[in-house]
Amino acid sequence: MKVIGIDPGTATTGWAILTEKEDELQPINYGTISTKKNLEDDARILELSKDLEKIIRQYQPQEAAVESLFFFKNKKTVISVAQARGSILLTLKQNNIKVFDYTPLQVKQALTGYGKAEKRQMQEMVKNILHLKKIPQPDDIADAIAIALCHFHSRKLVNLNKNHQKIINSKNLKN
């Protein structure tokens, strides 16, 4: 299973492709998609979509974990991030990739056990979980990796719950 984690942004979008081999999560590749500040919003959104399309074609992820929008103090920022996120969701859907949304709180909770963890704690967890020599830079990459890690964590919980439910159901059938 390959998962792409995405930290949406108009200027910089972080992305990471992770896979699970023999119960160990491994990074395949990660990076950023950057758009030029002098471009109009529509041109930036198109560039983001085209670059994401190339990444999808190259790595062929089956699922995507995308950070949900959360409260922004700056209304202009939230609008541009929402536009970028819309472009990302459309591109993923056009490529038949199942999308899962995670809030920053969910990502922090999954990686550190504390929903209000500091950014540095998150970055250290990303480095440690994937056995990296250093924290990926810029922050957008570490965030995208964290989102993908959160998704793998959530998938395991869902599978555990399914298996637990099967056991309960089989015990009920015997009674």
C-alpha atoms as a PDB file:
ATOM      1  CA  MET A   1       0.000   0.000   0.000  1.00  0.00           C
ATOM      2  CA  LYS A   2       1.374   3.397  -1.023  1.00  0.00           C
ATOM      3  CA  VAL A   3      -0.019   6.515   0.595  1.00  0.00           C
ATOM      4  CA  ILE A   4       0.604  10.109  -0.344  1.00  0.00           C
ATOM      5  CA  GLY A   5       0.483  12.590   2.510  1.00  0.00           C
ATOM      6  CA  ILE A   6      -0.248  16.179   1.521  1.00  0.00           C
ATOM      7  CA  ASP A   7       0.108  19.434   3.446  1.00  0.00           C
ATOM      8  CA  PRO A   8      -1.806  21.910   1.228  1.00  0.00           C
ATOM      9  CA  GLY A   9      -0.593  25.399   0.451  1.00  0.00           C
ATOM     10  CA  THR A  10      -0.618  27.747  -2.498  1.00  0.00           C
ATOM     11  CA  ALA A  11       2.999  28.894  -2.279  1.00  0.00           C
ATOM     12  CA  THR A  12       4.313  25.563  -0.975  1.00  0.00           C
ATOM     13  CA  THR A  13       2.585  22.190  -0.759  1.00  0.00           C
ATOM     14  CA  GLY A  14       4.400  19.436   1.074  1.00  0.00           C
ATOM     15  CA  TRP A  15       4.017  15.851  -0.148  1.00  0.00           C
ATOM     16  CA  ALA A  16       5.330  12.476   0.950  1.00  0.00           C
ATOM     17  CA  ILE A  17       4.939   8.965  -0.411  1.00  0.00           C
ATOM     18  CA  LEU A  18       5.116   6.230   2.235  1.00  0.00           C
ATOM     19  CA  THR A  19       4.675   2.496   2.058  1.00  0.00           C
ATOM     20  CA  GLU A  20       4.493  -0.303   4.563  1.00  0.00           C
ATOM     21  CA  LYS A  21       6.808  -3.279   4.146  1.00  0.00           C
ATOM     22  CA  GLU A  22       6.959  -6.074   6.693  1.00  0.00           C
ATOM     23  CA  ASP A  23       5.091  -3.996   9.289  1.00  0.00           C
ATOM     24  CA  GLU A  24       7.543  -1.113   8.931  1.00  0.00           C
ATOM     25  CA  LEU A  25       6.708   2.256   7.412  1.00  0.00           C
ATOM     26  CA  GLN A  26       9.187   3.446   4.825  1.00  0.00           C
ATOM     27  CA  PRO A  27       9.476   6.709   2.920  1.00  0.00           C
ATOM     28  CA  ILE A  28       9.642   6.307  -0.833  1.00  0.00           C
ATOM     29  CA  ASN A  29      10.134   9.986  -1.580  1.00  0.00           C
ATOM     30  CA  TYR A  30       9.040  13.411  -0.414  1.00  0.00           C
ATOM     31  CA  GLY A  31       9.298  17.020  -1.452  1.00  0.00           C
ATOM     32  CA  THR A  32       7.427  20.219  -2.103  1.00  0.00           C
ATOM     33  CA  ILE A  33       5.451  21.716  -4.920  1.00  0.00           C
ATOM     34  CA  SER A  34       6.186  25.441  -5.075  1.00  0.00           C
ATOM     35  CA  THR A  35       4.423  28.044  -7.151  1.00  0.00           C
ATOM     36  CA  LYS A  36       5.722  31.469  -8.167  1.00  0.00           C
ATOM     37  CA  LYS A  37       4.379  34.391  -6.154  1.00  0.00           C
ATOM     38  CA  ASN A  38       4.060  36.606  -9.233  1.00  0.00           C
ATOM     39  CA  LEU A  39       1.475  34.282 -10.842  1.00  0.00           C
ATOM     40  CA  GLU A  40      -2.269  34.846 -10.594  1.00  0.00           C
ATOM     41  CA  ASP A  41      -4.151  32.503  -8.261  1.00  0.00           C
ATOM     42  CA  ASP A  42      -5.654  30.486 -11.119  1.00  0.00           C
ATOM     43  CA  ALA A  43      -2.218  29.892 -12.674  1.00  0.00           C
ATOM     44  CA  ARG A  44      -0.803  28.801  -9.291  1.00  0.00           C
ATOM     45  CA  ILE A  45      -3.680  26.376  -8.750  1.00  0.00           C
ATOM     46  CA  LEU A  46      -3.199  24.906 -12.231  1.00  0.00           C
ATOM     47  CA  GLU A  47       0.550  24.536 -11.661  1.00  0.00           C
ATOM     48  CA  LEU A  48      -0.119  22.795  -8.339  1.00  0.00           C
ATOM     49  CA  SER A  49      -2.516  20.357  -9.997  1.00  0.00           C
ATOM     50  CA  LYS A  50      -0.135  19.567 -12.869  1.00  0.00           C
ATOM     51  CA  ASP A  51       2.810  18.981 -10.541  1.00  0.00           C
ATOM     52  CA  LEU A  52       0.711  16.758  -8.261  1.00  0.00           C
ATOM     53  CA  GLU A  53      -0.431  14.812 -11.327  1.00  0.00           C
ATOM     54  CA  LYS A  54       3.229  14.086 -12.201  1.00  0.00           C
ATOM     55  CA  ILE A  55       3.908  12.824  -8.674  1.00  0.00           C
ATOM     56  CA  ILE A  56       0.827  10.596  -8.809  1.00  0.00           C
ATOM     57  CA  ARG A  57       1.848   9.139 -12.178  1.00  0.00           C
ATOM     58  CA  GLN A  58       5.381   8.459 -10.963  1.00  0.00           C
ATOM     59  CA  TYR A  59       4.547   6.855  -7.591  1.00  0.00           C
ATOM     60  CA  GLN A  60       0.960   5.593  -8.096  1.00  0.00           C
ATOM     61  CA  PRO A  61      -0.338   5.901  -4.523  1.00  0.00           C
ATOM     62  CA  GLN A  62      -3.588   4.076  -3.728  1.00  0.00           C
ATOM     63  CA  GLU A  63      -4.694   6.401  -0.934  1.00  0.00           C
ATOM     64  CA  ALA A  64      -4.153  10.016   0.033  1.00  0.00           C
ATOM     65  CA  ALA A  65      -4.071  11.651   3.456  1.00  0.00           C
ATOM     66  CA  VAL A  66      -4.719  15.375   3.218  1.00  0.00           C
ATOM     67  CA  GLU A  67      -4.658  17.900   6.023  1.00  0.00           C
ATOM     68  CA  SER A  68      -8.040  19.479   6.657  1.00  0.00           C
ATOM     69  CA  LEU A  69      -8.427  23.181   6.947  1.00  0.00           C
ATOM     70  CA  PHE A  70      -8.376  24.507  10.450  1.00  0.00           C
ATOM     71  CA  PHE A  71      -8.893  27.931  11.967  1.00  0.00           C
ATOM     72  CA  PHE A  72      -6.768  30.663  10.422  1.00  0.00           C
ATOM     73  CA  LYS A  73      -6.346  34.143  11.847  1.00  0.00           C
ATOM     74  CA  ASN A  74      -5.619  35.510   8.394  1.00  0.00           C
ATOM     75  CA  LYS A  75      -8.683  35.280   6.116  1.00  0.00           C
ATOM     76  CA  LYS A  76      -6.617  35.795   2.981  1.00  0.00           C
ATOM     77  CA  THR A  77      -4.435  32.812   3.896  1.00  0.00           C
ATOM     78  CA  VAL A  78      -7.391  30.511   4.542  1.00  0.00           C
ATOM     79  CA  ILE A  79      -8.895  31.362   1.160  1.00  0.00           C
ATOM     80  CA  SER A  80      -5.698  30.591  -0.756  1.00  0.00           C
ATOM     81  CA  VAL A  81      -5.113  27.353   1.194  1.00  0.00           C
ATOM     82  CA  ALA A  82      -8.741  26.341   0.553  1.00  0.00           C
ATOM     83  CA  GLN A  83      -8.236  26.946  -3.158  1.00  0.00           C
ATOM     84  CA  ALA A  84      -5.060  24.845  -3.151  1.00  0.00           C
ATOM     85  CA  ARG A  85      -6.814  22.106  -1.194  1.00  0.00           C
ATOM     86  CA  GLY A  86      -9.678  22.103  -3.702  1.00  0.00           C
ATOM     87  CA  SER A  87      -7.228  21.682  -6.568  1.00  0.00           C
ATOM     88  CA  ILE A  88      -5.504  18.844  -4.709  1.00  0.00           C
ATOM     89  CA  LEU A  89      -8.776  17.039  -3.952  1.00  0.00           C
ATOM     90  CA  LEU A  90      -9.925  17.355  -7.571  1.00  0.00           C
ATOM     91  CA  THR A  91      -6.609  16.026  -8.883  1.00  0.00           C
ATOM     92  CA  LEU A  92      -6.712  13.063  -6.488  1.00  0.00           C
ATOM     93  CA  LYS A  93     -10.327  12.267  -7.410  1.00  0.00           C
ATOM     94  CA  GLN A  94      -9.535  12.463 -11.136  1.00  0.00           C
ATOM     95  CA  ASN A  95      -6.833   9.861 -10.524  1.00  0.00           C
ATOM     96  CA  ASN A  96      -9.169   7.550  -8.556  1.00  0.00           C
ATOM     97  CA  ILE A  97      -7.237   7.925  -5.323  1.00  0.00           C
ATOM     98  CA  LYS A  98      -9.256   7.516  -2.159  1.00  0.00           C
ATOM     99  CA  VAL A  99      -8.907  10.592   0.046  1.00  0.00           C
ATOM    100  CA  PHE A 100      -8.824  10.724   3.848  1.00  0.00           C
ATOM    101  CA  ASP A 101      -8.872  14.019   5.752  1.00  0.00           C
ATOM    102  CA  TYR A 102      -7.076  14.636   9.027  1.00  0.00           C
ATOM    103  CA  THR A 103      -7.072  17.711  11.218  1.00  0.00           C
ATOM    104  CA  PRO A 104      -3.817  18.949  12.732  1.00  0.00           C
ATOM    105  CA  LEU A 105      -5.154  17.795  16.118  1.00  0.00           C
ATOM    106  CA  GLN A 106      -5.676  14.240  14.799  1.00  0.00           C
ATOM    107  CA  VAL A 107      -2.179  14.156  13.296  1.00  0.00           C
ATOM    108  CA  LYS A 108      -0.571  15.353  16.532  1.00  0.00           C
ATOM    109  CA  GLN A 109      -2.621  12.885  18.569  1.00  0.00           C
ATOM    110  CA  ALA A 110      -1.648   9.968  16.308  1.00  0.00           C
ATOM    111  CA  LEU A 111       2.075  10.738  16.368  1.00  0.00           C
ATOM    112  CA  THR A 112       2.660  12.000  19.898  1.00  0.00           C
ATOM    113  CA  GLY A 113      -0.438  11.020  21.866  1.00  0.00           C
ATOM    114  CA  TYR A 114      -1.019  14.718  22.582  1.00  0.00           C
ATOM    115  CA  GLY A 115      -3.235  16.863  20.355  1.00  0.00           C
ATOM    116  CA  LYS A 116      -1.453  20.079  21.236  1.00  0.00           C
ATOM    117  CA  ALA A 117       2.099  18.894  20.617  1.00  0.00           C
ATOM    118  CA  GLU A 118       4.620  21.486  19.479  1.00  0.00           C
ATOM    119  CA  LYS A 119       5.832  21.476  15.872  1.00  0.00           C
ATOM    120  CA  ARG A 120       9.332  20.438  16.969  1.00  0.00           C
ATOM    121  CA  GLN A 121       7.905  17.378  18.788  1.00  0.00           C
ATOM    122  CA  MET A 122       6.071  16.380  15.612  1.00  0.00           C
ATOM    123  CA  GLN A 123       9.190  16.767  13.520  1.00  0.00           C
ATOM    124  CA  GLU A 124      11.237  14.643  15.929  1.00  0.00           C
ATOM    125  CA  MET A 125       8.562  11.922  15.851  1.00  0.00           C
ATOM    126  CA  VAL A 126       8.599  11.916  12.031  1.00  0.00           C
ATOM    127  CA  LYS A 127      12.384  11.533  12.096  1.00  0.00           C
ATOM    128  CA  ASN A 128      12.287   8.767  14.720  1.00  0.00           C
ATOM    129  CA  ILE A 129       9.399   6.745  13.284  1.00  0.00           C
ATOM    130  CA  LEU A 130      10.992   6.601   9.838  1.00  0.00           C
ATOM    131  CA  HIS A 131      14.570   6.271  11.173  1.00  0.00           C
ATOM    132  CA  LEU A 132      15.714   9.366   9.274  1.00  0.00           C
ATOM    133  CA  LYS A 133      19.081  10.964   9.970  1.00  0.00           C
ATOM    134  CA  LYS A 134      17.593  14.456  10.132  1.00  0.00           C
ATOM    135  CA  ILE A 135      14.242  16.205  10.159  1.00  0.00           C
ATOM    136  CA  PRO A 136      12.978  16.757   6.595  1.00  0.00           C
ATOM    137  CA  GLN A 137      12.985  20.404   5.535  1.00  0.00           C
ATOM    138  CA  PRO A 138      11.117  22.597   4.887  1.00  0.00           C
ATOM    139  CA  ASP A 139       8.393  22.127   7.530  1.00  0.00           C
ATOM    140  CA  ASP A 140       5.826  21.401   4.803  1.00  0.00           C
ATOM    141  CA  ILE A 141       7.575  18.097   4.052  1.00  0.00           C
ATOM    142  CA  ALA A 142       7.676  17.003   7.695  1.00  0.00           C
ATOM    143  CA  ASP A 143       3.984  17.934   7.957  1.00  0.00           C
ATOM    144  CA  ALA A 144       3.111  15.874   4.863  1.00  0.00           C
ATOM    145  CA  ILE A 145       4.996  12.886   6.266  1.00  0.00           C
ATOM    146  CA  ALA A 146       3.198  13.293   9.603  1.00  0.00           C
ATOM    147  CA  ILE A 147      -0.173  13.312   7.811  1.00  0.00           C
ATOM    148  CA  ALA A 148       0.715  10.093   5.965  1.00  0.00           C
ATOM    149  CA  LEU A 149       1.903   8.496   9.217  1.00  0.00           C
ATOM    150  CA  CYS A 150      -1.387   9.483  10.845  1.00  0.00           C
ATOM    151  CA  HIS A 151      -3.233   7.721   8.031  1.00  0.00           C
ATOM    152  CA  PHE A 152      -1.289   4.491   8.486  1.00  0.00           C
ATOM    153  CA  HIS A 153      -1.989   4.688  12.227  1.00  0.00           C
ATOM    154  CA  SER A 154      -5.717   5.184  11.527  1.00  0.00           C
ATOM    155  CA  ARG A 155      -5.764   2.271   9.066  1.00  0.00           C
ATOM    156  CA  LYS A 156      -4.288  -0.018  11.726  1.00  0.00           C
ATOM    157  CA  LEU A 157      -6.918   1.064  14.251  1.00  0.00           C
ATOM    158  CA  VAL A 158      -9.707   0.432  11.749  1.00  0.00           C
ATOM    159  CA  ASN A 159      -8.306  -3.025  10.961  1.00  0.00           C
ATOM    160  CA  LEU A 160      -7.962  -3.833  14.670  1.00  0.00           C
ATOM    161  CA  ASN A 161     -11.569  -2.803  15.227  1.00  0.00           C
ATOM    162  CA  LYS A 162     -12.732  -4.950  12.294  1.00  0.00           C
ATOM    163  CA  ASN A 163     -10.834  -7.975  13.605  1.00  0.00           C
ATOM    164  CA  HIS A 164     -12.159  -7.380  17.119  1.00  0.00           C
ATOM    165  CA  GLN A 165     -15.706  -7.171  15.760  1.00  0.00           C
ATOM    166  CA  LYS A 166     -15.244 -10.470  13.888  1.00  0.00           C
ATOM    167  CA  ILE A 167     -14.116 -12.149  17.110  1.00  0.00           C
ATOM    168  CA  ILE A 168     -17.112 -10.771  18.997  1.00  0.00           C
ATOM    169  CA  ASN A 169     -19.477 -11.871  16.223  1.00  0.00           C
ATOM    170  CA  SER A 170     -18.022 -15.381  16.116  1.00  0.00           C
ATOM    171  CA  LYS A 171     -18.361 -15.683  19.907  1.00  0.00           C
ATOM    172  CA  ASN A 172     -21.983 -14.536  19.698  1.00  0.00           C
ATOM    173  CA  LEU A 173     -22.712 -17.162  17.032  1.00  0.00           C
ATOM    174  CA  LYS A 174     -21.351 -19.914  19.305  1.00  0.00           C
ATOM    175  CA  ASN A 175     -23.550 -18.818  22.219  1.00  0.00           C
END
